[in-house]
PDB file of N, CA and C in Angstrom:
ATOM      1  N   MET A   1     147.341 124.643-166.220  1.00  0.00           N
ATOM      2  CA  MET A   1     147.773 123.250-166.201  1.00  0.00           C
ATOM      3  C   MET A   1     147.527 122.619-164.836  1.00  0.00           C
ATOM      4  N   GLN A   2     147.822 123.391-163.799  1.00  0.00           N
ATOM      5  CA  GLN A   2     147.631 122.891-162.439  1.00  0.00           C
ATOM      6  C   GLN A   2     146.150 122.603-162.167  1.00  0.00           C
ATOM      7  N   ARG A   3     145.300 123.471-162.675  1.00  0.00           N
ATOM      8  CA  ARG A   3     143.868 123.309-162.463  1.00  0.00           C
ATOM      9  C   ARG A   3     143.348 122.059-163.179  1.00  0.00           C
ATOM     10  N   ARG A   4     143.869 121.812-164.384  1.00  0.00           N
ATOM     11  CA  ARG A   4     143.445 120.631-165.139  1.00  0.00           C
ATOM     12  C   ARG A   4     143.891 119.356-164.428  1.00  0.00           C
ATOM     13  N   ARG A   5     145.067 119.361-163.848  1.00  0.00           N
ATOM     14  CA  ARG A   5     145.551 118.199-163.088  1.00  0.00           C
ATOM     15  C   ARG A   5     144.643 117.937-161.890  1.00  0.00           C
ATOM     16  N   PHE A   6     144.187 119.006-161.247  1.00  0.00           N
ATOM     17  CA  PHE A   6     143.269 118.877-160.117  1.00  0.00           C
ATOM     18  C   PHE A   6     141.970 118.205-160.556  1.00  0.00           C
ATOM     19  N   HIS A   7     141.425 118.634-161.703  1.00  0.00           N
ATOM     20  CA  HIS A   7     140.182 118.048-162.187  1.00  0.00           C
ATOM     21  C   HIS A   7     140.372 116.601-162.633  1.00  0.00           C
ATOM     22  N   ARG A   8     141.537 116.264-163.149  1.00  0.00           N
ATOM     23  CA  ARG A   8     141.818 114.859-163.483  1.00  0.00           C
ATOM     24  C   ARG A   8     141.832 114.002-162.233  1.00  0.00           C
ATOM     25  N   GLY A   9     142.412 114.523-161.163  1.00  0.00           N
ATOM     26  CA  GLY A   9     142.419 113.781-159.895  1.00  0.00           C
ATOM     27  C   GLY A   9     141.011 113.559-159.368  1.00  0.00           C
ATOM     28  N   ILE A  10     140.193 114.595-159.461  1.00  0.00           N
ATOM     29  CA  ILE A  10     138.792 114.464-159.047  1.00  0.00           C
ATOM     30  C   ILE A  10     138.087 113.418-159.899  1.00  0.00           C
ATOM     31  N   ALA A  11     138.400 113.390-161.201  1.00  0.00           N
ATOM     32  CA  ALA A  11     137.771 112.421-162.099  1.00  0.00           C
ATOM     33  C   ALA A  11     138.157 110.996-161.715  1.00  0.00           C
ATOM     34  N   TRP A  12     139.409 110.758-161.384  1.00  0.00           N
ATOM     35  CA  TRP A  12     139.829 109.416-160.970  1.00  0.00           C
ATOM     36  C   TRP A  12     139.141 108.995-159.673  1.00  0.00           C
ATOM     37  N   VAL A  13     139.137 109.869-158.698  1.00  0.00           N
ATOM     38  CA  VAL A  13     138.503 109.546-157.412  1.00  0.00           C
ATOM     39  C   VAL A  13     137.000 109.341-157.599  1.00  0.00           C
ATOM     40  N   GLY A  14     136.374 110.200-158.387  1.00  0.00           N
ATOM     41  CA  GLY A  14     134.935 110.066-158.637  1.00  0.00           C
ATOM     42  C   GLY A  14     134.590 108.777-159.365  1.00  0.00           C
ATOM     43  N   GLY A  15     135.408 108.399-160.342  1.00  0.00           N
ATOM     44  CA  GLY A  15     135.171 107.155-161.063  1.00  0.00           C
ATOM     45  C   GLY A  15     135.287 105.941-160.154  1.00  0.00           C
ATOM     46  N   LEU A  16     136.309 105.926-159.309  1.00  0.00           N
ATOM     47  CA  LEU A  16     136.462 104.813-158.368  1.00  0.00           C
ATOM     48  C   LEU A  16     135.328 104.784-157.344  1.00  0.00           C
ATOM     49  N   LEU A  17     134.905 105.945-156.901  1.00  0.00           N
ATOM     50  CA  LEU A  17     133.800 106.025-155.953  1.00  0.00           C
ATOM     51  C   LEU A  17     132.498 105.511-156.579  1.00  0.00           C
ATOM     52  N   LEU A  18     132.240 105.887-157.827  1.00  0.00           N
ATOM     53  CA  LEU A  18     131.047 105.384-158.506  1.00  0.00           C
ATOM     54  C   LEU A  18     131.096 103.866-158.669  1.00  0.00           C
ATOM     55  N   LEU A  19     132.279 103.337-158.957  1.00  0.00           N
ATOM     56  CA  LEU A  19     132.424 101.890-159.085  1.00  0.00           C
ATOM     57  C   LEU A  19     132.108 101.185-157.771  1.00  0.00           C
ATOM     58  N   VAL A  20     132.656 101.688-156.683  1.00  0.00           N
ATOM     59  CA  VAL A  20     132.400 101.077-155.371  1.00  0.00           C
ATOM     60  C   VAL A  20     130.920 101.179-155.008  1.00  0.00           C
ATOM     61  N   LEU A  21     130.307 102.332-155.297  1.00  0.00           N
ATOM     62  CA  LEU A  21     128.889 102.490-154.984  1.00  0.00           C
ATOM     63  C   LEU A  21     128.010 101.616-155.878  1.00  0.00           C
ATOM     64  N   HIS A  22     128.457 101.346-157.090  1.00  0.00           N
ATOM     65  CA  HIS A  22     127.689 100.488-157.993  1.00  0.00           C
ATOM     66  C   HIS A  22     127.743  99.026-157.547  1.00  0.00           C
ATOM     67  N   LEU A  23     128.879  98.599-157.050  1.00  0.00           N
ATOM     68  CA  LEU A  23     129.047  97.225-156.566  1.00  0.00           C
ATOM     69  C   LEU A  23     128.719  97.175-155.078  1.00  0.00           C
ATOM     70  N   ASP A  24     127.523  97.528-154.739  1.00  0.00           N
ATOM     71  CA  ASP A  24     127.134  97.726-153.337  1.00  0.00           C
ATOM     72  C   ASP A  24     126.943  96.417-152.582  1.00  0.00           C
ATOM     73  N   PHE A  25     127.987  95.613-152.498  1.00  0.00           N
ATOM     74  CA  PHE A  25     127.935  94.361-151.755  1.00  0.00           C
ATOM     75  C   PHE A  25     127.894  94.606-150.252  1.00  0.00           C
ATOM     76  N   TRP A  26     128.247  95.770-149.816  1.00  0.00           N
ATOM     77  CA  TRP A  26     128.328  96.100-148.404  1.00  0.00           C
ATOM     78  C   TRP A  26     127.002  96.598-147.835  1.00  0.00           C
ATOM     79  N   ARG A  27     126.026  96.895-148.707  1.00  0.00           N
ATOM     80  CA  ARG A  27     124.736  97.402-148.232  1.00  0.00           C
ATOM     81  C   ARG A  27     123.805  96.255-147.882  1.00  0.00           C
ATOM     82  N   PRO A  28     123.164  96.296-146.725  1.00  0.00           N
ATOM     83  CA  PRO A  28     122.181  95.240-146.407  1.00  0.00           C
ATOM     84  C   PRO A  28     120.912  95.430-147.241  1.00  0.00           C
ATOM     85  N   SER A  29     120.301  94.334-147.599  1.00  0.00           N
ATOM     86  CA  SER A  29     119.050  94.389-148.357  1.00  0.00           C
ATOM     87  C   SER A  29     117.883  94.505-147.378  1.00  0.00           C
ATOM     88  N   ARG A  30     117.121  95.597-147.514  1.00  0.00           N
ATOM     89  CA  ARG A  30     115.986  95.825-146.614  1.00  0.00           C
ATOM     90  C   ARG A  30     114.742  96.108-147.443  1.00  0.00           C
ATOM     91  N   ASP A  31     113.603  95.805-146.886  1.00  0.00           N
ATOM     92  CA  ASP A  31     112.314  96.093-147.527  1.00  0.00           C
ATOM     93  C   ASP A  31     111.729  97.363-146.924  1.00  0.00           C
ATOM     94  N   VAL A  32     112.232  98.495-147.375  1.00  0.00           N
ATOM     95  CA  VAL A  32     111.794  99.790-146.867  1.00  0.00           C
ATOM     96  C   VAL A  32     111.185 100.558-148.028  1.00  0.00           C
ATOM     97  N   LEU A  33     110.080 101.237-147.757  1.00  0.00           N
ATOM     98  CA  LEU A  33     109.457 102.091-148.765  1.00  0.00           C
ATOM     99  C   LEU A  33     109.578 103.543-148.326  1.00  0.00           C
ATOM    100  N   TYR A  34     110.092 104.381-149.224  1.00  0.00           N
ATOM    101  CA  TYR A  34     110.174 105.813-148.948  1.00  0.00           C
ATOM    102  C   TYR A  34     108.956 106.491-149.547  1.00  0.00           C
ATOM    103  N   GLY A  35     108.286 107.270-148.748  1.00  0.00           N
ATOM    104  CA  GLY A  35     107.075 107.930-149.206  1.00  0.00           C
ATOM    105  C   GLY A  35     105.916 106.962-149.382  1.00  0.00           C
ATOM    106  N   GLY A  36     106.079 105.741-148.916  1.00  0.00           N
ATOM    107  CA  GLY A  36     105.014 104.747-149.010  1.00  0.00           C
ATOM    108  C   GLY A  36     104.949 104.027-150.340  1.00  0.00           C
ATOM    109  N   TRP A  37     105.828 104.371-151.306  1.00  0.00           N
ATOM    110  CA  TRP A  37     105.745 103.733-152.621  1.00  0.00           C
ATOM    111  C   TRP A  37     107.094 103.481-153.298  1.00  0.00           C
ATOM    112  N   LEU A  38     108.174 104.160-152.865  1.00  0.00           N
ATOM    113  CA  LEU A  38     109.471 104.031-153.517  1.00  0.00           C
ATOM    114  C   LEU A  38     110.362 103.062-152.736  1.00  0.00           C
ATOM    115  N   PRO A  39     110.662 101.903-153.319  1.00  0.00           N
ATOM    116  CA  PRO A  39     111.523 100.935-152.622  1.00  0.00           C
ATOM    117  C   PRO A  39     112.934 101.495-152.421  1.00  0.00           C
ATOM    118  N   GLU A  40     113.580 101.054-151.362  1.00  0.00           N
ATOM    119  CA  GLU A  40     114.914 101.555-151.029  1.00  0.00           C
ATOM    120  C   GLU A  40     115.916 101.282-152.154  1.00  0.00           C
ATOM    121  N   GLU A  41     115.867 100.115-152.749  1.00  0.00           N
ATOM    122  CA  GLU A  41     116.807  99.783-153.825  1.00  0.00           C
ATOM    123  C   GLU A  41     116.642 100.710-155.023  1.00  0.00           C
ATOM    124  N   LEU A  42     115.413 101.019-155.394  1.00  0.00           N
ATOM    125  CA  LEU A  42     115.166 101.927-156.514  1.00  0.00           C
ATOM    126  C   LEU A  42     115.632 103.347-156.175  1.00  0.00           C
ATOM    127  N   ALA A  43     115.384 103.785-154.957  1.00  0.00           N
ATOM    128  CA  ALA A  43     115.840 105.113-154.538  1.00  0.00           C
ATOM    129  C   ALA A  43     117.362 105.193-154.584  1.00  0.00           C
ATOM    130  N   TYR A  44     118.035 104.141-154.148  1.00  0.00           N
ATOM    131  CA  TYR A  44     119.496 104.104-154.179  1.00  0.00           C
ATOM    132  C   TYR A  44     119.998 104.174-155.618  1.00  0.00           C
ATOM    133  N   ARG A  45     119.374 103.406-156.505  1.00  0.00           N
ATOM    134  CA  ARG A  45     119.800 103.401-157.913  1.00  0.00           C
ATOM    135  C   ARG A  45     119.536 104.750-158.585  1.00  0.00           C
ATOM    136  N   LEU A  46     118.441 105.394-158.253  1.00  0.00           N
ATOM    137  CA  LEU A  46     118.164 106.715-158.819  1.00  0.00           C
ATOM    138  C   LEU A  46     119.197 107.742-158.361  1.00  0.00           C
ATOM    139  N   LEU A  47     119.577 107.685-157.100  1.00  0.00           N
ATOM    140  CA  LEU A  47     120.619 108.589-156.606  1.00  0.00           C
ATOM    141  C   LEU A  47     121.966 108.272-157.254  1.00  0.00           C
ATOM    142  N   TRP A  48     122.243 106.990-157.491  1.00  0.00           N
ATOM    143  CA  TRP A  48     123.485 106.601-158.155  1.00  0.00           C
ATOM    144  C   TRP A  48     123.511 107.138-159.591  1.00  0.00           C
ATOM    145  N   ILE A  49     122.386 107.049-160.289  1.00  0.00           N
ATOM    146  CA  ILE A  49     122.297 107.560-161.657  1.00  0.00           C
ATOM    147  C   ILE A  49     122.516 109.067-161.672  1.00  0.00           C
ATOM    148  N   LEU A  50     121.960 109.775-160.713  1.00  0.00           N
ATOM    149  CA  LEU A  50     122.180 111.224-160.615  1.00  0.00           C
ATOM    150  C   LEU A  50     123.661 111.528-160.381  1.00  0.00           C
ATOM    151  N   ALA A  51     124.301 110.770-159.490  1.00  0.00           N
ATOM    152  CA  ALA A  51     125.731 110.971-159.235  1.00  0.00           C
ATOM    153  C   ALA A  51     126.547 110.662-160.486  1.00  0.00           C
ATOM    154  N   ALA A  52     126.182 109.625-161.234  1.00  0.00           N
ATOM    155  CA  ALA A  52     126.898 109.287-162.468  1.00  0.00           C
ATOM    156  C   ALA A  52     126.717 110.388-163.508  1.00  0.00           C
ATOM    157  N   PHE A  53     125.525 110.947-163.604  1.00  0.00           N
ATOM    158  CA  PHE A  53     125.287 112.053-164.526  1.00  0.00           C
ATOM    159  C   PHE A  53     126.146 113.252-164.175  1.00  0.00           C
ATOM    160  N   LEU A  54     126.211 113.611-162.899  1.00  0.00           N
ATOM    161  CA  LEU A  54     127.026 114.743-162.467  1.00  0.00           C
ATOM    162  C   LEU A  54     128.510 114.479-162.704  1.00  0.00           C
ATOM    163  N   TYR A  55     128.930 113.239-162.510  1.00  0.00           N
ATOM    164  CA  TYR A  55     130.322 112.869-162.779  1.00  0.00           C
ATOM    165  C   TYR A  55     130.635 113.045-164.259  1.00  0.00           C
ATOM    166  N   LEU A  56     129.773 112.546-165.121  1.00  0.00           N
ATOM    167  CA  LEU A  56     130.011 112.667-166.560  1.00  0.00           C
ATOM    168  C   LEU A  56     129.979 114.123-167.010  1.00  0.00           C
ATOM    169  N   TRP A  57     129.098 114.909-166.450  1.00  0.00           N
ATOM    170  CA  TRP A  57     129.050 116.333-166.780  1.00  0.00           C
ATOM    171  C   TRP A  57     130.370 117.007-166.400  1.00  0.00           C
ATOM    172  N   HIS A  58     130.861 116.727-165.199  1.00  0.00           N
ATOM    173  CA  HIS A  58     132.134 117.293-164.755  1.00  0.00           C
ATOM    174  C   HIS A  58     133.267 116.812-165.661  1.00  0.00           C
ATOM    175  N   PHE A  59     133.273 115.535-165.980  1.00  0.00           N
ATOM    176  CA  PHE A  59     134.339 114.979-166.807  1.00  0.00           C
ATOM    177  C   PHE A  59     134.359 115.624-168.187  1.00  0.00           C
ATOM    178  N   CYS A  60     133.203 115.764-168.802  1.00  0.00           N
ATOM    179  CA  CYS A  60     133.145 116.305-170.164  1.00  0.00           C
ATOM    180  C   CYS A  60     133.405 117.806-170.221  1.00  0.00           C
ATOM    181  N   THR A  61     133.105 118.532-169.166  1.00  0.00           N
ATOM    182  CA  THR A  61     133.290 119.978-169.202  1.00  0.00           C
ATOM    183  C   THR A  61     134.627 120.435-168.636  1.00  0.00           C
ATOM    184  N   ARG A  62     135.240 119.658-167.760  1.00  0.00           N
ATOM    185  CA  ARG A  62     136.477 120.107-167.103  1.00  0.00           C
ATOM    186  C   ARG A  62     137.706 119.278-167.474  1.00  0.00           C
ATOM    187  N   VAL A  63     137.537 118.001-167.712  1.00  0.00           N
ATOM    188  CA  VAL A  63     138.683 117.123-167.942  1.00  0.00           C
ATOM    189  C   VAL A  63     138.883 116.854-169.427  1.00  0.00           C
ATOM    190  N   TRP A  64     137.847 116.482-170.110  1.00  0.00           N
ATOM    191  CA  TRP A  64     137.936 116.064-171.504  1.00  0.00           C
ATOM    192  C   TRP A  64     137.636 117.236-172.423  1.00  0.00           C
ATOM    193  N   VAL A  65     138.492 118.227-172.390  1.00  0.00           N
ATOM    194  CA  VAL A  65     138.326 119.412-173.205  1.00  0.00           C
ATOM    195  C   VAL A  65     139.498 119.512-174.174  1.00  0.00           C
ATOM    196  N   LYS A  66     139.286 120.256-175.225  1.00  0.00           N
ATOM    197  CA  LYS A  66     140.331 120.446-176.232  1.00  0.00           C
ATOM    198  C   LYS A  66     141.411 121.362-175.669  1.00  0.00           C
ATOM    199  N   GLU A  67     142.649 121.020-175.970  1.00  0.00           N
ATOM    200  CA  GLU A  67     143.777 121.840-175.522  1.00  0.00           C
ATOM    201  C   GLU A  67     143.725 123.222-176.178  1.00  0.00           C
ATOM    202  N   ASP A  68     144.114 124.236-175.435  1.00  0.00           N
ATOM    203  CA  ASP A  68     144.213 125.580-176.018  1.00  0.00           C
ATOM    204  C   ASP A  68     145.348 125.600-177.036  1.00  0.00           C
ATOM    205  N   GLU A  69     145.078 126.156-178.166  1.00  0.00           N
ATOM    206  CA  GLU A  69     146.082 126.142-179.228  1.00  0.00           C
ATOM    207  C   GLU A  69     146.894 127.415-179.255  1.00  0.00           C
TER     208      GLU A  69
END
């Protein structure tokens, strides 16, 4: 039970963190290319999508599980 509460706390913090990172009003807009072809905004969004995928994987495997009967 204690372990599940810990994972719920991580899920809340992770969800709020993803929300703040998605509403990136604090990031300056720059015209930078990574590797000569990948714009900074696209690279940021790809990393955000990866973080969201990892969050959902953690949520579905650790938090949103069926109770032991």
